[in-house]
Amino acid sequence: RQRQMCIRDRNRTHERANELKEDEEEMIAQMEAAEKRQEINILLSDAKLLAIKRQYLDAKEKYDDILSKESGNQRAKDGLASIQINLDQISKQEAEEEARNKARAEVLQKVEVILDDGSDLFAGGQYKEAIEKYKEGLLLDPLNNELKSSIRNSLQALDRHEQYRIAK
């Protein structure tokens, strides 16, 4: 009988030890889950702050990190969607700026050709033709001071030429 009591006590002790081990494992799992939640909340806060500062690529990294830890995190998904809208707008603006710069470069190149042609006409004494050529350039680039100056110089040369012709 005493032996049975010892076996029963030992079984209870093992059961209690198993219960304590299970409780400990549950507490560890809860602590790990709480740490993970805290880490995710910190990452969310960091990502939001970076997005506010318009540091979209850094914010995107944070949101991606969150989703690698918790793939269903809706706040991270929403944050990424918002950032993507901003990144798309920036890409669109950059593309438009590049197109404007390319168009401007093409205009400047055409104006350079016109200036060269006008200079050749001017050098050949064809002042009226030079003026017309420079005016072509002003149609492309109305604010170009070099074209305006060339027209002014051509008008002055034409005037001098006319005065010389009359004086003969």
C-alpha atoms as a PDB file:
ATOM      1  CA  ARG A   1       0.000   0.000   0.000  1.00  0.00           C
ATOM      2  CA  GLN A   2       2.793   2.365   0.792  1.00  0.00           C
ATOM      3  CA  ARG A   3       4.346   1.505  -2.518  1.00  0.00           C
ATOM      4  CA  GLN A   4       1.130   2.418  -4.335  1.00  0.00           C
ATOM      5  CA  MET A   5       1.053   5.738  -2.496  1.00  0.00           C
ATOM      6  CA  CYS A   6       4.627   6.423  -3.562  1.00  0.00           C
ATOM      7  CA  ILE A   7       3.787   5.574  -7.167  1.00  0.00           C
ATOM      8  CA  ARG A   8       0.681   7.774  -6.995  1.00  0.00           C
ATOM      9  CA  ASP A   9       2.691  10.665  -5.491  1.00  0.00           C
ATOM     10  CA  ARG A  10       5.362  10.222  -8.113  1.00  0.00           C
ATOM     11  CA  ASN A  11       2.706  10.239 -10.876  1.00  0.00           C
ATOM     12  CA  ARG A  12       1.140  13.384  -9.418  1.00  0.00           C
ATOM     13  CA  THR A  13       4.563  14.977  -9.226  1.00  0.00           C
ATOM     14  CA  HIS A  14       5.197  14.122 -12.891  1.00  0.00           C
ATOM     15  CA  GLU A  15       1.752  15.421 -13.844  1.00  0.00           C
ATOM     16  CA  ARG A  16       2.378  18.621 -11.913  1.00  0.00           C
ATOM     17  CA  ALA A  17       5.813  18.970 -13.539  1.00  0.00           C
ATOM     18  CA  ASN A  18       4.236  18.495 -16.965  1.00  0.00           C
ATOM     19  CA  GLU A  19       1.565  21.092 -16.131  1.00  0.00           C
ATOM     20  CA  LEU A  20       4.260  23.535 -14.992  1.00  0.00           C
ATOM     21  CA  LYS A  21       6.264  22.864 -18.152  1.00  0.00           C
ATOM     22  CA  GLU A  22       3.192  23.480 -20.311  1.00  0.00           C
ATOM     23  CA  ASP A  23       2.428  26.683 -18.374  1.00  0.00           C
ATOM     24  CA  GLU A  24       6.015  27.829 -18.845  1.00  0.00           C
ATOM     25  CA  GLU A  25       5.892  27.089 -22.588  1.00  0.00           C
ATOM     26  CA  GLU A  26       2.606  28.984 -22.869  1.00  0.00           C
ATOM     27  CA  MET A  27       4.080  31.964 -21.012  1.00  0.00           C
ATOM     28  CA  ILE A  28       7.152  31.927 -23.271  1.00  0.00           C
ATOM     29  CA  ALA A  29       4.907  31.806 -26.357  1.00  0.00           C
ATOM     30  CA  GLN A  30       2.847  34.723 -24.999  1.00  0.00           C
ATOM     31  CA  MET A  31       5.997  36.735 -24.299  1.00  0.00           C
ATOM     32  CA  GLU A  32       7.359  36.023 -27.774  1.00  0.00           C
ATOM     33  CA  ALA A  33       4.038  37.049 -29.311  1.00  0.00           C
ATOM     34  CA  ALA A  34       4.030  40.259 -27.244  1.00  0.00           C
ATOM     35  CA  GLU A  35       7.621  41.023 -28.311  1.00  0.00           C
ATOM     36  CA  LYS A  36       6.705  40.392 -31.950  1.00  0.00           C
ATOM     37  CA  ARG A  37       3.648  42.668 -31.648  1.00  0.00           C
ATOM     38  CA  GLN A  38       5.812  45.372 -30.025  1.00  0.00           C
ATOM     39  CA  GLU A  39       8.437  45.045 -32.775  1.00  0.00           C
ATOM     40  CA  ILE A  40       5.730  45.306 -35.447  1.00  0.00           C
ATOM     41  CA  ASN A  41       4.207  48.366 -33.765  1.00  0.00           C
ATOM     42  CA  ILE A  42       7.629  50.048 -33.675  1.00  0.00           C
ATOM     43  CA  LEU A  43       8.163  49.233 -37.348  1.00  0.00           C
ATOM     44  CA  LEU A  44       4.702  50.610 -38.180  1.00  0.00           C
ATOM     45  CA  SER A  45       5.464  53.841 -36.330  1.00  0.00           C
ATOM     46  CA  ASP A  46       8.846  54.158 -38.036  1.00  0.00           C
ATOM     47  CA  ALA A  47       7.313  53.496 -41.458  1.00  0.00           C
ATOM     48  CA  LYS A  48       4.577  56.085 -40.930  1.00  0.00           C
ATOM     49  CA  LEU A  49       7.131  58.684 -39.832  1.00  0.00           C
ATOM     50  CA  LEU A  50       9.319  57.969 -42.851  1.00  0.00           C
ATOM     51  CA  ALA A  51       6.298  58.284 -45.146  1.00  0.00           C
ATOM     52  CA  ILE A  52       5.405  61.627 -43.570  1.00  0.00           C
ATOM     53  CA  LYS A  53       8.991  62.763 -44.226  1.00  0.00           C
ATOM     54  CA  ARG A  54       8.516  61.586 -47.845  1.00  0.00           C
ATOM     55  CA  GLN A  55      11.255  58.999 -47.451  1.00  0.00           C
ATOM     56  CA  TYR A  56       9.089  56.539 -49.313  1.00  0.00           C
ATOM     57  CA  LEU A  57      11.694  53.909 -50.155  1.00  0.00           C
ATOM     58  CA  ASP A  58      12.819  53.647 -46.529  1.00  0.00           C
ATOM     59  CA  ALA A  59       9.193  53.457 -45.396  1.00  0.00           C
ATOM     60  CA  LYS A  60       8.545  50.749 -47.992  1.00  0.00           C
ATOM     61  CA  GLU A  61      11.407  48.698 -46.516  1.00  0.00           C
ATOM     62  CA  LYS A  62       9.815  48.937 -43.059  1.00  0.00           C
ATOM     63  CA  TYR A  63       6.407  47.867 -44.360  1.00  0.00           C
ATOM     64  CA  ASP A  64       7.997  44.986 -46.275  1.00  0.00           C
ATOM     65  CA  ASP A  65       9.791  43.938 -43.072  1.00  0.00           C
ATOM     66  CA  ILE A  66       6.459  43.944 -41.215  1.00  0.00           C
ATOM     67  CA  LEU A  67       4.831  41.815 -43.894  1.00  0.00           C
ATOM     68  CA  SER A  68       7.709  39.336 -43.773  1.00  0.00           C
ATOM     69  CA  LYS A  69       6.972  38.907 -40.049  1.00  0.00           C
ATOM     70  CA  GLU A  70       3.179  39.052 -40.329  1.00  0.00           C
ATOM     71  CA  SER A  71       1.961  38.632 -43.885  1.00  0.00           C
ATOM     72  CA  GLY A  72      -1.641  39.575 -43.122  1.00  0.00           C
ATOM     73  CA  ASN A  73      -0.916  42.905 -41.409  1.00  0.00           C
ATOM     74  CA  GLN A  74      -3.523  45.212 -42.935  1.00  0.00           C
ATOM     75  CA  ARG A  75      -1.927  48.429 -41.669  1.00  0.00           C
ATOM     76  CA  ALA A  76       1.315  47.515 -43.439  1.00  0.00           C
ATOM     77  CA  LYS A  77      -0.589  46.647 -46.629  1.00  0.00           C
ATOM     78  CA  ASP A  78      -2.460  49.967 -46.473  1.00  0.00           C
ATOM     79  CA  GLY A  79       0.785  51.842 -45.850  1.00  0.00           C
ATOM     80  CA  LEU A  80       2.431  50.169 -48.826  1.00  0.00           C
ATOM     81  CA  ALA A  81      -0.541  51.009 -51.035  1.00  0.00           C
ATOM     82  CA  SER A  82      -0.340  54.656 -49.980  1.00  0.00           C
ATOM     83  CA  ILE A  83       3.405  54.778 -50.596  1.00  0.00           C
ATOM     84  CA  GLN A  84       2.967  53.153 -53.998  1.00  0.00           C
ATOM     85  CA  ILE A  85       0.542  55.909 -54.997  1.00  0.00           C
ATOM     86  CA  ASN A  86       3.148  58.511 -54.017  1.00  0.00           C
ATOM     87  CA  LEU A  87       5.963  56.644 -55.768  1.00  0.00           C
ATOM     88  CA  ASP A  88       3.820  56.379 -58.911  1.00  0.00           C
ATOM     89  CA  GLN A  89       3.153  60.131 -58.803  1.00  0.00           C
ATOM     90  CA  ILE A  90       6.858  60.852 -58.382  1.00  0.00           C
ATOM     91  CA  SER A  91       7.716  58.541 -61.295  1.00  0.00           C
ATOM     92  CA  LYS A  92       5.085  60.257 -63.443  1.00  0.00           C
ATOM     93  CA  GLN A  93       6.421  63.707 -62.531  1.00  0.00           C
ATOM     94  CA  GLU A  94       9.992  62.608 -63.267  1.00  0.00           C
ATOM     95  CA  ALA A  95       8.931  61.200 -66.630  1.00  0.00           C
ATOM     96  CA  GLU A  96       7.105  64.436 -67.480  1.00  0.00           C
ATOM     97  CA  GLU A  97      10.133  66.474 -66.421  1.00  0.00           C
ATOM     98  CA  GLU A  98      12.391  64.290 -68.540  1.00  0.00           C
ATOM     99  CA  ALA A  99      10.076  64.734 -71.529  1.00  0.00           C
ATOM    100  CA  ARG A 100      10.059  68.517 -71.017  1.00  0.00           C
ATOM    101  CA  ASN A 101      13.852  68.563 -70.771  1.00  0.00           C
ATOM    102  CA  LYS A 102      14.155  66.456 -73.912  1.00  0.00           C
ATOM    103  CA  ALA A 103      11.760  68.739 -75.793  1.00  0.00           C
ATOM    104  CA  ARG A 104      13.653  71.793 -74.534  1.00  0.00           C
ATOM    105  CA  ALA A 105      16.960  70.278 -75.663  1.00  0.00           C
ATOM    106  CA  GLU A 106      15.490  69.626 -79.120  1.00  0.00           C
ATOM    107  CA  VAL A 107      14.280  73.231 -79.355  1.00  0.00           C
ATOM    108  CA  LEU A 108      17.681  74.523 -78.284  1.00  0.00           C
ATOM    109  CA  GLN A 109      19.357  72.323 -80.880  1.00  0.00           C
ATOM    110  CA  LYS A 110      17.050  73.654 -83.622  1.00  0.00           C
ATOM    111  CA  VAL A 111      17.687  77.224 -82.453  1.00  0.00           C
ATOM    112  CA  GLU A 112      21.445  76.600 -82.629  1.00  0.00           C
ATOM    113  CA  VAL A 113      21.093  75.482 -86.254  1.00  0.00           C
ATOM    114  CA  ILE A 114      18.987  78.571 -87.004  1.00  0.00           C
ATOM    115  CA  LEU A 115      21.556  80.825 -85.336  1.00  0.00           C
ATOM    116  CA  ASP A 116      24.320  79.229 -87.404  1.00  0.00           C
ATOM    117  CA  ASP A 117      22.318  79.627 -90.614  1.00  0.00           C
ATOM    118  CA  GLY A 118      21.468  83.227 -89.706  1.00  0.00           C
ATOM    119  CA  SER A 119      25.118  83.980 -88.975  1.00  0.00           C
ATOM    120  CA  ASP A 120      26.112  82.582 -92.369  1.00  0.00           C
ATOM    121  CA  LEU A 121      23.508  84.807 -94.049  1.00  0.00           C
ATOM    122  CA  PHE A 122      24.664  87.811 -91.993  1.00  0.00           C
ATOM    123  CA  ALA A 123      28.318  87.144 -92.904  1.00  0.00           C
ATOM    124  CA  GLY A 124      27.292  87.015 -96.560  1.00  0.00           C
ATOM    125  CA  GLY A 125      25.615  90.430 -96.289  1.00  0.00           C
ATOM    126  CA  GLN A 126      22.116  88.977 -96.598  1.00  0.00           C
ATOM    127  CA  TYR A 127      20.741  90.917 -93.654  1.00  0.00           C
ATOM    128  CA  LYS A 128      17.033  90.676 -94.503  1.00  0.00           C
ATOM    129  CA  GLU A 129      17.309  86.896 -94.936  1.00  0.00           C
ATOM    130  CA  ALA A 130      19.282  86.664 -91.672  1.00  0.00           C
ATOM    131  CA  ILE A 131      16.539  88.590 -89.877  1.00  0.00           C
ATOM    132  CA  GLU A 132      13.888  86.212 -91.279  1.00  0.00           C
ATOM    133  CA  LYS A 133      15.956  83.211 -90.199  1.00  0.00           C
ATOM    134  CA  TYR A 134      16.345  84.596 -86.655  1.00  0.00           C
ATOM    135  CA  LYS A 135      12.590  85.261 -86.529  1.00  0.00           C
ATOM    136  CA  GLU A 136      12.059  81.564 -87.332  1.00  0.00           C
ATOM    137  CA  GLY A 137      14.051  80.810 -84.223  1.00  0.00           C
ATOM    138  CA  LEU A 138      11.918  83.177 -82.135  1.00  0.00           C
ATOM    139  CA  LEU A 139       8.862  81.172 -83.143  1.00  0.00           C
ATOM    140  CA  LEU A 140      10.496  78.178 -81.443  1.00  0.00           C
ATOM    141  CA  ASP A 141      11.993  80.052 -78.501  1.00  0.00           C
ATOM    142  CA  PRO A 142      10.376  83.484 -78.037  1.00  0.00           C
ATOM    143  CA  LEU A 143      12.542  84.368 -75.023  1.00  0.00           C
ATOM    144  CA  ASN A 144      15.897  83.587 -76.600  1.00  0.00           C
ATOM    145  CA  ASN A 145      18.083  86.648 -76.080  1.00  0.00           C
ATOM    146  CA  GLU A 146      20.732  85.530 -78.541  1.00  0.00           C
ATOM    147  CA  LEU A 147      18.146  85.496 -81.346  1.00  0.00           C
ATOM    148  CA  LYS A 148      16.863  88.930 -80.306  1.00  0.00           C
ATOM    149  CA  SER A 149      20.396  90.298 -80.217  1.00  0.00           C
ATOM    150  CA  SER A 150      21.138  88.807 -83.640  1.00  0.00           C
ATOM    151  CA  ILE A 151      18.007  90.439 -85.075  1.00  0.00           C
ATOM    152  CA  ARG A 152      19.038  93.764 -83.562  1.00  0.00           C
ATOM    153  CA  ASN A 153      22.562  93.444 -85.010  1.00  0.00           C
ATOM    154  CA  SER A 154      21.157  92.475 -88.399  1.00  0.00           C
ATOM    155  CA  LEU A 155      18.775  95.460 -88.382  1.00  0.00           C
ATOM    156  CA  GLN A 156      21.645  97.774 -87.524  1.00  0.00           C
ATOM    157  CA  ALA A 157      23.815  96.271 -90.269  1.00  0.00           C
ATOM    158  CA  LEU A 158      20.920  96.558 -92.738  1.00  0.00           C
ATOM    159  CA  ASP A 159      20.430 100.187 -91.746  1.00  0.00           C
ATOM    160  CA  ARG A 160      24.148 100.922 -92.182  1.00  0.00           C
ATOM    161  CA  HIS A 161      24.117  99.147 -95.523  1.00  0.00           C
ATOM    162  CA  GLU A 162      21.089 101.199 -96.684  1.00  0.00           C
ATOM    163  CA  GLN A 163      22.710 104.445 -95.511  1.00  0.00           C
ATOM    164  CA  TYR A 164      25.931 103.536 -97.336  1.00  0.00           C
ATOM    165  CA  ARG A 165      23.962 102.695-100.481  1.00  0.00           C
ATOM    166  CA  ILE A 166      22.070 106.026-100.311  1.00  0.00           C
ATOM    167  CA  ALA A 167      25.291 107.930 -99.702  1.00  0.00           C
ATOM    168  CA  LYS A 168      26.813 106.566-102.895  1.00  0.00           C
END
